[in-house]
């Protein structure tokens, strides 16, 4: 599923750069012959990304907390103590 692949790609970047990186979805969208802006709009509408950038030549963003929860629901368990 393209959603899972896109979110997994963004999550890998999140882990690699401490949540600060902004990543292009152009390569993933091209792999599935989709428009990057349409993919980005879908992910954004569902709250799975943040900081969307609809540029003239592509789309970039960061994964959101909800996006991480979608693909790794256990990720935040135990990281935050109360």
Foldseek 3Di string as FASTA:
>chain_A
DLLLVQLVVLVVVCVVPVQPDKDFCVVSCVVVVHAQVVVVVVCVVVVQWPDWDDDPVGIITHGDPVVCCVNPVCVCVPVDDD
